[in-house]
Amino acid sequence: MRRLAGRTLPLYRQEKILARYGGSITRTTMANWLIRLSLQLQPLINLMADHQRAGHIMNADETRIQVLKELSKAIHSDKYMWVTLGGPPGQPAVLFHYDPSRGKEVPLRLFEGFSGYLQTDGYASYSAVCKQEGITQVGCFDHVRRKFTDAKKGEAKPGKKVNNSKVSKADVALAKIRKHAIEEGIRGAPAAEKLARRQQESKPLLDDLHQWLQKNITRLVPGSLTHKAMSYALNQWSKLVVYCEDGDLNISNAAAENAIRPFTLGRKNWLFADTPNGARASAIFYSLLESAKANGLEPFEYLNHILKELPYAETVEKLEQLLPWAVKASQE
């Protein structure tokens, strides 16, 4: 795939562009080139995975991908692209992983050997790996806020005017969550300062919200949108408050959501992967390009650099010099 103005240009479009200039390279040929090249890049991905586990915080998310020739599942069934983000401070690695499954065996494989904090949404499969590996799971307040926002929208009946003067329980919950705007004020502050401010200012707000949720959930009809939002928040509560324990943590899983966004945007252009090998190759190229961006490198220049140097990287030490943070350090 080719990137143009920050977007992924599908191979079928590149095939048509080349044809207009007299070229005759088919999308199948280009796809095979990329798959074969991705195999040569796999050692870098392996090193980046080890690097992620060396940090004490990781973020994760997953999204759907259509893979036509996945033998283990039907054509129109859901397959998944997972993303993980982590690494020592100042050296982030963003890794994409294709798997036809969304089952717990995938995160068990992705986070095996990691110890520290794992921030995710409320998907249950992440809890299994945290329990097995002794990882502390961190929740995401953005997901809580969205569920109450959806509940508020769901209160408006079709064809009827909403009475804006009536304050619903979803409104109250959103107002209490908005009080956590303290996070905007401490963005970029040292971890010690964040920890102190959260202990002093955020914890009382969290206690108030928790007590309010416990008191008011019994006053709602089970199964209603607001009841579901409250249930989600209460079920996730022990994970939602973990961010107050460490100044390096965040209140939301926005880091992973931002990391996977280029893939979801690109998916609107190329729509599907033909084969599992193609999906895995895409994961490798997205990993390299997004990791380059996360480390302040221009993606095309980084990819060009490692493709020139990779044939001569005959040892692990030389491969490590091709990792994004190492390339960045060499330029400074």
Protein backbone atom coordinates (compact mmCIF):
# COMPACT_ATOMS: atom_id res chain seq x y z
CA MET A 1 0.00 0.00 0.00
CA ARG A 2 1.07 3.56 -0.61
CA ARG A 3 0.44 6.51 1.69
CA LEU A 4 -0.75 9.73 0.10
CA ALA A 5 -1.43 12.89 2.11
CA GLY A 6 -1.73 10.83 5.30
CA ARG A 7 -4.10 8.28 3.71
CA THR A 8 -3.60 4.73 2.54
CA LEU A 9 -3.89 4.42 -1.24
CA PRO A 10 -5.28 0.96 -2.11
CA LEU A 11 -3.37 -1.23 -4.54
CA TYR A 12 -6.24 -1.31 -7.03
CA ARG A 13 -6.04 2.49 -7.30
CA GLN A 14 -2.28 2.35 -7.74
CA GLU A 15 -2.80 -0.23 -10.48
CA LYS A 16 -5.11 2.19 -12.33
CA ILE A 17 -2.72 5.12 -11.85
CA LEU A 18 0.18 3.10 -13.26
CA ALA A 19 -1.98 1.98 -16.19
CA ARG A 20 -2.65 5.61 -17.14
CA TYR A 21 1.11 6.07 -17.49
CA GLY A 22 1.56 2.90 -19.50
CA GLY A 23 2.45 0.61 -16.60
CA SER A 24 1.23 -2.97 -16.39
CA ILE A 25 1.88 -3.95 -12.77
CA THR A 26 -1.17 -5.65 -11.33
CA ARG A 27 -2.45 -5.31 -7.80
CA THR A 28 -1.76 -9.01 -7.28
CA THR A 29 1.90 -8.51 -8.15
CA MET A 30 2.19 -5.51 -5.83
CA ALA A 31 0.44 -7.41 -3.04
CA ASN A 32 2.88 -10.31 -3.39
CA TRP A 33 5.80 -7.87 -3.29
CA LEU A 34 4.51 -6.36 -0.04
CA ILE A 35 3.87 -9.76 1.54
CA ARG A 36 7.37 -10.99 0.68
CA LEU A 37 8.91 -7.74 1.94
CA SER A 38 6.96 -7.94 5.18
CA LEU A 39 8.63 -11.28 5.96
CA GLN A 40 12.03 -9.55 5.82
CA LEU A 41 10.76 -6.89 8.23
CA GLN A 42 9.41 -9.35 10.80
CA PRO A 43 12.63 -9.35 12.91
CA LEU A 44 12.12 -5.61 13.54
CA ILE A 45 8.56 -6.27 14.69
CA ASN A 46 9.78 -8.98 17.07
CA LEU A 47 12.27 -6.56 18.63
CA MET A 48 9.59 -3.90 18.95
CA ALA A 49 7.33 -6.37 20.75
CA ASP A 50 10.10 -7.11 23.26
CA HIS A 51 10.64 -3.37 23.62
CA GLN A 52 6.97 -2.82 24.45
CA ARG A 53 7.13 -5.30 27.30
CA ALA A 54 10.15 -3.46 28.73
CA GLY A 55 7.92 -0.52 29.66
CA HIS A 56 5.50 -0.50 32.60
CA ILE A 57 2.41 0.77 30.74
CA MET A 58 0.70 -0.65 27.67
CA ASN A 59 -2.50 0.35 25.88
CA ALA A 60 -4.59 -1.90 23.64
CA ASP A 61 -7.59 -1.78 21.35
CA GLU A 62 -9.03 -3.80 18.46
CA THR A 63 -11.16 -3.19 15.40
CA ARG A 64 -12.83 -5.25 12.70
CA ILE A 65 -11.23 -6.14 9.38
CA GLN A 66 -12.71 -8.10 6.49
CA VAL A 67 -10.41 -10.82 5.14
CA LEU A 68 -11.94 -12.68 2.22
CA LYS A 69 -9.86 -15.85 2.14
CA GLU A 70 -9.55 -16.60 5.84
CA LEU A 71 -10.12 -20.36 5.81
CA SER A 72 -11.08 -20.57 9.48
CA LYS A 73 -14.05 -18.19 9.17
CA ALA A 74 -16.77 -17.22 6.70
CA ILE A 75 -16.12 -14.36 4.27
CA HIS A 76 -18.45 -11.87 5.95
CA SER A 77 -17.66 -12.84 9.53
CA ASP A 78 -15.68 -10.47 11.72
CA LYS A 79 -11.91 -10.76 11.92
CA TYR A 80 -9.79 -8.36 13.95
CA MET A 81 -6.81 -6.06 13.85
CA TRP A 82 -5.42 -5.51 17.32
CA VAL A 83 -3.15 -2.63 18.30
CA THR A 84 -0.78 -2.39 21.25
CA LEU A 85 1.11 0.71 22.37
CA GLY A 86 3.91 0.77 24.90
CA GLY A 87 7.60 0.91 25.65
CA PRO A 88 9.97 2.79 27.94
CA PRO A 89 9.33 6.55 28.32
CA GLY A 90 10.09 8.50 25.16
CA GLN A 91 10.40 5.36 23.02
CA PRO A 92 6.87 4.30 22.06
CA ALA A 93 6.24 1.28 19.87
CA VAL A 94 2.90 0.89 18.08
CA LEU A 95 2.21 -2.66 16.92
CA PHE A 96 -0.67 -4.01 14.86
CA HIS A 97 -1.59 -7.69 14.98
CA TYR A 98 -4.03 -9.50 12.72
CA ASP A 99 -6.03 -12.40 14.09
CA PRO A 100 -9.33 -13.89 12.90
CA SER A 101 -10.37 -14.27 16.54
CA ARG A 102 -11.40 -11.81 19.21
CA GLY A 103 -11.10 -14.46 21.89
CA LYS A 104 -9.03 -14.27 25.05
CA GLU A 105 -6.26 -16.39 23.49
CA VAL A 106 -5.16 -13.34 21.47
CA PRO A 107 -4.39 -10.96 24.37
CA LEU A 108 -2.97 -13.93 26.28
CA ARG A 109 -0.42 -14.24 23.49
CA LEU A 110 0.14 -10.50 22.99
CA PHE A 111 0.82 -9.69 26.63
CA GLU A 112 2.53 -12.86 27.81
CA GLY A 113 5.51 -11.91 29.94
CA PHE A 114 4.40 -8.31 30.46
CA SER A 115 4.09 -6.92 33.99
CA GLY A 116 2.75 -3.48 34.74
CA TYR A 117 -0.38 -1.57 33.76
CA LEU A 118 -2.58 -2.45 30.79
CA GLN A 119 -5.16 0.16 29.80
CA THR A 120 -8.10 -0.99 27.67
CA ASP A 121 -11.84 -0.67 27.26
CA GLY A 122 -14.13 -3.01 29.18
CA TYR A 123 -13.81 -6.02 26.84
CA ALA A 124 -13.65 -9.14 29.03
CA SER A 125 -10.84 -10.88 27.13
CA TYR A 126 -8.34 -8.35 28.47
CA SER A 127 -9.28 -9.25 32.04
CA ALA A 128 -8.23 -12.87 31.47
CA VAL A 129 -4.64 -11.99 30.55
CA CYS A 130 -4.38 -9.49 33.41
CA LYS A 131 -5.43 -12.18 35.86
CA GLN A 132 -3.04 -14.77 34.42
CA GLU A 133 -0.01 -12.47 34.09
CA GLY A 134 -0.56 -10.42 37.25
CA ILE A 135 -1.10 -7.25 35.20
CA THR A 136 -2.97 -4.30 36.70
CA GLN A 137 -5.83 -3.38 34.38
CA VAL A 138 -6.69 0.29 33.88
CA GLY A 139 -10.13 1.35 32.67
CA CYS A 140 -11.21 4.12 30.33
CA PHE A 141 -13.44 6.98 31.45
CA ASP A 142 -14.09 7.99 27.84
CA HIS A 143 -16.10 4.79 27.39
CA VAL A 144 -18.16 5.61 30.48
CA ARG A 145 -18.83 9.13 29.22
CA ARG A 146 -19.89 7.85 25.78
CA LYS A 147 -22.37 5.41 27.28
CA PHE A 148 -24.05 8.20 29.24
CA THR A 149 -24.00 10.44 26.15
CA ASP A 150 -25.71 7.66 24.18
CA ALA A 151 -28.22 7.23 27.00
CA LYS A 152 -29.03 10.94 26.92
CA LYS A 153 -29.59 10.83 23.16
CA GLY A 154 -31.72 7.72 23.54
CA GLU A 155 -34.10 9.55 25.86
CA ALA A 156 -35.33 11.66 22.96
CA LYS A 157 -38.32 9.88 21.41
CA PRO A 158 -38.67 10.14 17.61
CA GLY A 159 -41.03 12.89 16.54
CA LYS A 160 -41.22 14.48 19.98
CA LYS A 161 -39.58 17.66 21.15
CA VAL A 162 -37.08 17.18 23.95
CA ASN A 163 -37.76 19.18 27.08
CA ASN A 164 -34.37 20.80 27.61
CA SER A 165 -35.40 22.05 31.04
CA LYS A 166 -35.62 18.52 32.43
CA VAL A 167 -32.37 17.23 33.90
CA SER A 168 -32.03 13.48 33.52
CA LYS A 169 -29.81 11.13 35.47
CA ALA A 170 -27.63 10.82 32.36
CA ASP A 171 -27.20 14.62 32.46
CA VAL A 172 -26.19 14.47 36.11
CA ALA A 173 -23.68 11.69 35.45
CA LEU A 174 -22.14 13.62 32.56
CA ALA A 175 -21.89 16.76 34.71
CA LYS A 176 -20.07 14.81 37.42
CA ILE A 177 -17.72 13.26 34.87
CA ARG A 178 -16.96 16.69 33.36
CA LYS A 179 -15.63 17.77 36.75
CA HIS A 180 -12.61 15.61 35.99
CA ALA A 181 -11.43 18.41 33.69
CA ILE A 182 -8.51 18.60 36.12
CA GLU A 183 -6.80 16.28 33.62
CA GLU A 184 -6.68 19.10 31.06
CA GLY A 185 -4.92 21.33 33.55
CA ILE A 186 -2.19 18.82 34.39
CA ARG A 187 -1.50 17.59 30.86
CA GLY A 188 2.26 17.63 30.32
CA ALA A 189 3.00 18.08 34.02
CA PRO A 190 5.57 15.85 35.77
CA ALA A 191 4.22 12.50 36.94
CA ALA A 192 4.71 13.41 40.62
CA GLU A 193 2.58 16.54 40.20
CA LYS A 194 -0.15 14.61 38.41
CA LEU A 195 -0.22 12.00 41.16
CA ALA A 196 -0.46 14.64 43.90
CA ARG A 197 -3.25 16.58 42.14
CA ARG A 198 -5.24 13.43 41.48
CA GLN A 199 -4.95 12.28 45.07
CA GLN A 200 -6.01 15.69 46.35
CA GLU A 201 -8.65 16.71 43.78
CA SER A 202 -9.74 13.72 41.68
CA LYS A 203 -10.30 11.13 44.39
CA PRO A 204 -13.05 13.13 46.19
CA LEU A 205 -14.81 13.59 42.83
CA LEU A 206 -14.53 9.89 42.11
CA ASP A 207 -15.91 9.00 45.54
CA ASP A 208 -18.85 11.33 44.98
CA LEU A 209 -19.59 9.85 41.54
CA HIS A 210 -19.34 6.30 42.86
CA GLN A 211 -21.75 6.96 45.74
CA TRP A 212 -24.19 8.67 43.38
CA LEU A 213 -24.12 5.74 40.95
CA GLN A 214 -24.72 3.21 43.73
CA LYS A 215 -27.63 5.23 45.09
CA ASN A 216 -29.37 5.97 41.80
CA ILE A 217 -28.98 2.74 39.81
CA THR A 218 -31.78 1.15 41.88
CA ARG A 219 -34.13 3.96 40.81
CA LEU A 220 -33.91 3.09 37.12
CA VAL A 221 -35.66 0.50 35.01
CA PRO A 222 -33.23 -2.41 34.39
CA GLY A 223 -32.32 -2.59 30.73
CA SER A 224 -32.76 1.13 30.07
CA LEU A 225 -29.82 2.91 28.42
CA THR A 226 -29.01 4.92 31.54
CA HIS A 227 -29.21 1.80 33.71
CA LYS A 228 -26.81 0.05 31.33
CA ALA A 229 -24.41 3.01 31.48
CA MET A 230 -24.49 2.98 35.29
CA SER A 231 -23.99 -0.79 35.38
CA TYR A 232 -20.99 -0.51 33.07
CA ALA A 233 -19.42 2.20 35.24
CA LEU A 234 -19.96 0.27 38.47
CA ASN A 235 -18.70 -3.02 37.01
CA GLN A 236 -15.57 -1.27 35.75
CA TRP A 237 -15.08 0.91 38.83
CA SER A 238 -12.03 -0.81 40.33
CA LYS A 239 -10.26 -0.39 36.95
CA LEU A 240 -11.50 3.16 36.32
CA VAL A 241 -9.88 4.58 39.45
CA VAL A 242 -6.44 2.97 38.96
CA TYR A 243 -5.17 6.03 37.05
CA CYS A 244 -4.97 7.85 40.38
CA GLU A 245 -2.24 5.45 41.53
CA ASP A 246 0.44 6.48 39.03
CA GLY A 247 1.14 9.86 37.46
CA ASP A 248 2.24 8.21 34.23
CA LEU A 249 -1.24 6.76 33.67
CA ASN A 250 -4.08 8.45 31.80
CA ILE A 251 -7.76 8.74 32.61
CA SER A 252 -8.72 7.29 29.22
CA ASN A 253 -7.47 4.83 26.62
CA ALA A 254 -7.25 7.60 24.01
CA ALA A 255 -3.64 6.65 23.21
CA ALA A 256 -4.68 3.28 21.79
CA GLU A 257 -7.73 4.72 20.06
CA ASN A 258 -5.55 7.36 18.38
CA ALA A 259 -3.01 4.70 17.42
CA ILE A 260 -5.61 2.54 15.66
CA ARG A 261 -7.39 5.46 13.96
CA PRO A 262 -5.09 5.56 10.88
CA PHE A 263 -6.00 1.93 10.23
CA THR A 264 -9.75 2.55 10.55
CA LEU A 265 -9.48 5.55 8.22
CA GLY A 266 -7.42 3.57 5.72
CA ARG A 267 -9.97 0.76 5.84
CA LYS A 268 -12.55 3.09 4.28
CA ASN A 269 -10.34 3.23 1.19
CA TRP A 270 -9.18 -0.34 0.73
CA LEU A 271 -12.26 -1.99 2.36
CA PHE A 272 -10.82 -5.50 2.82
CA ALA A 273 -7.74 -7.72 2.71
CA ASP A 274 -7.81 -10.60 0.25
CA THR A 275 -5.78 -13.10 2.27
CA PRO A 276 -4.57 -13.59 5.86
CA ASN A 277 -0.99 -13.10 4.61
CA GLY A 278 -2.04 -9.74 3.19
CA ALA A 279 -3.66 -8.75 6.49
CA ARG A 280 -0.52 -9.73 8.40
CA ALA A 281 1.64 -7.77 5.95
CA SER A 282 -0.59 -4.73 6.45
CA ALA A 283 -0.13 -5.08 10.20
CA ILE A 284 3.66 -5.01 9.79
CA PHE A 285 3.69 -1.92 7.58
CA TYR A 286 1.20 -0.06 9.80
CA SER A 287 3.37 -0.96 12.82
CA LEU A 288 6.50 0.52 11.26
CA LEU A 289 4.84 3.64 9.90
CA GLU A 290 2.85 4.47 13.03
CA SER A 291 5.83 3.77 15.31
CA ALA A 292 7.90 6.11 13.16
CA LYS A 293 5.29 8.84 13.56
CA ALA A 294 5.06 8.23 17.33
CA ASN A 295 8.82 8.81 17.58
CA GLY A 296 8.78 12.01 15.53
CA LEU A 297 10.10 10.51 12.29
CA GLU A 298 8.78 11.13 8.78
CA PRO A 299 7.27 7.72 7.85
CA PHE A 300 8.42 7.53 4.24
CA GLU A 301 11.96 8.57 5.09
CA TYR A 302 12.08 6.04 7.93
CA LEU A 303 10.83 3.20 5.74
CA ASN A 304 13.27 4.19 3.00
CA HIS A 305 16.12 4.19 5.52
CA ILE A 306 15.43 0.76 6.99
CA LEU A 307 14.92 -0.83 3.56
CA LYS A 308 18.36 0.41 2.52
CA GLU A 309 20.06 -0.73 5.72
CA LEU A 310 18.20 -3.99 6.44
CA PRO A 311 20.28 -6.18 4.04
CA TYR A 312 23.40 -5.26 6.03
CA ALA A 313 21.88 -5.75 9.49
CA GLU A 314 23.31 -9.19 10.15
CA THR A 315 23.27 -9.06 13.94
CA VAL A 316 20.68 -8.22 16.60
CA GLU A 317 22.70 -5.13 17.52
CA LYS A 318 22.53 -3.82 13.95
CA LEU A 319 18.80 -4.55 13.78
CA GLU A 320 18.28 -2.60 16.98
CA GLN A 321 19.86 0.43 15.32
CA LEU A 322 17.00 0.38 12.80
CA LEU A 323 14.28 0.74 15.43
CA PRO A 324 12.51 4.14 15.33
CA TRP A 325 13.88 5.51 18.61
CA ALA A 326 17.43 4.48 17.64
CA VAL A 327 17.10 6.18 14.25
CA LYS A 328 15.71 9.26 15.99
CA ALA A 329 18.61 9.33 18.44
CA SER A 330 21.14 9.06 15.58
CA GLN A 331 19.63 12.15 13.96
CA GLU A 332 19.93 14.33 17.06
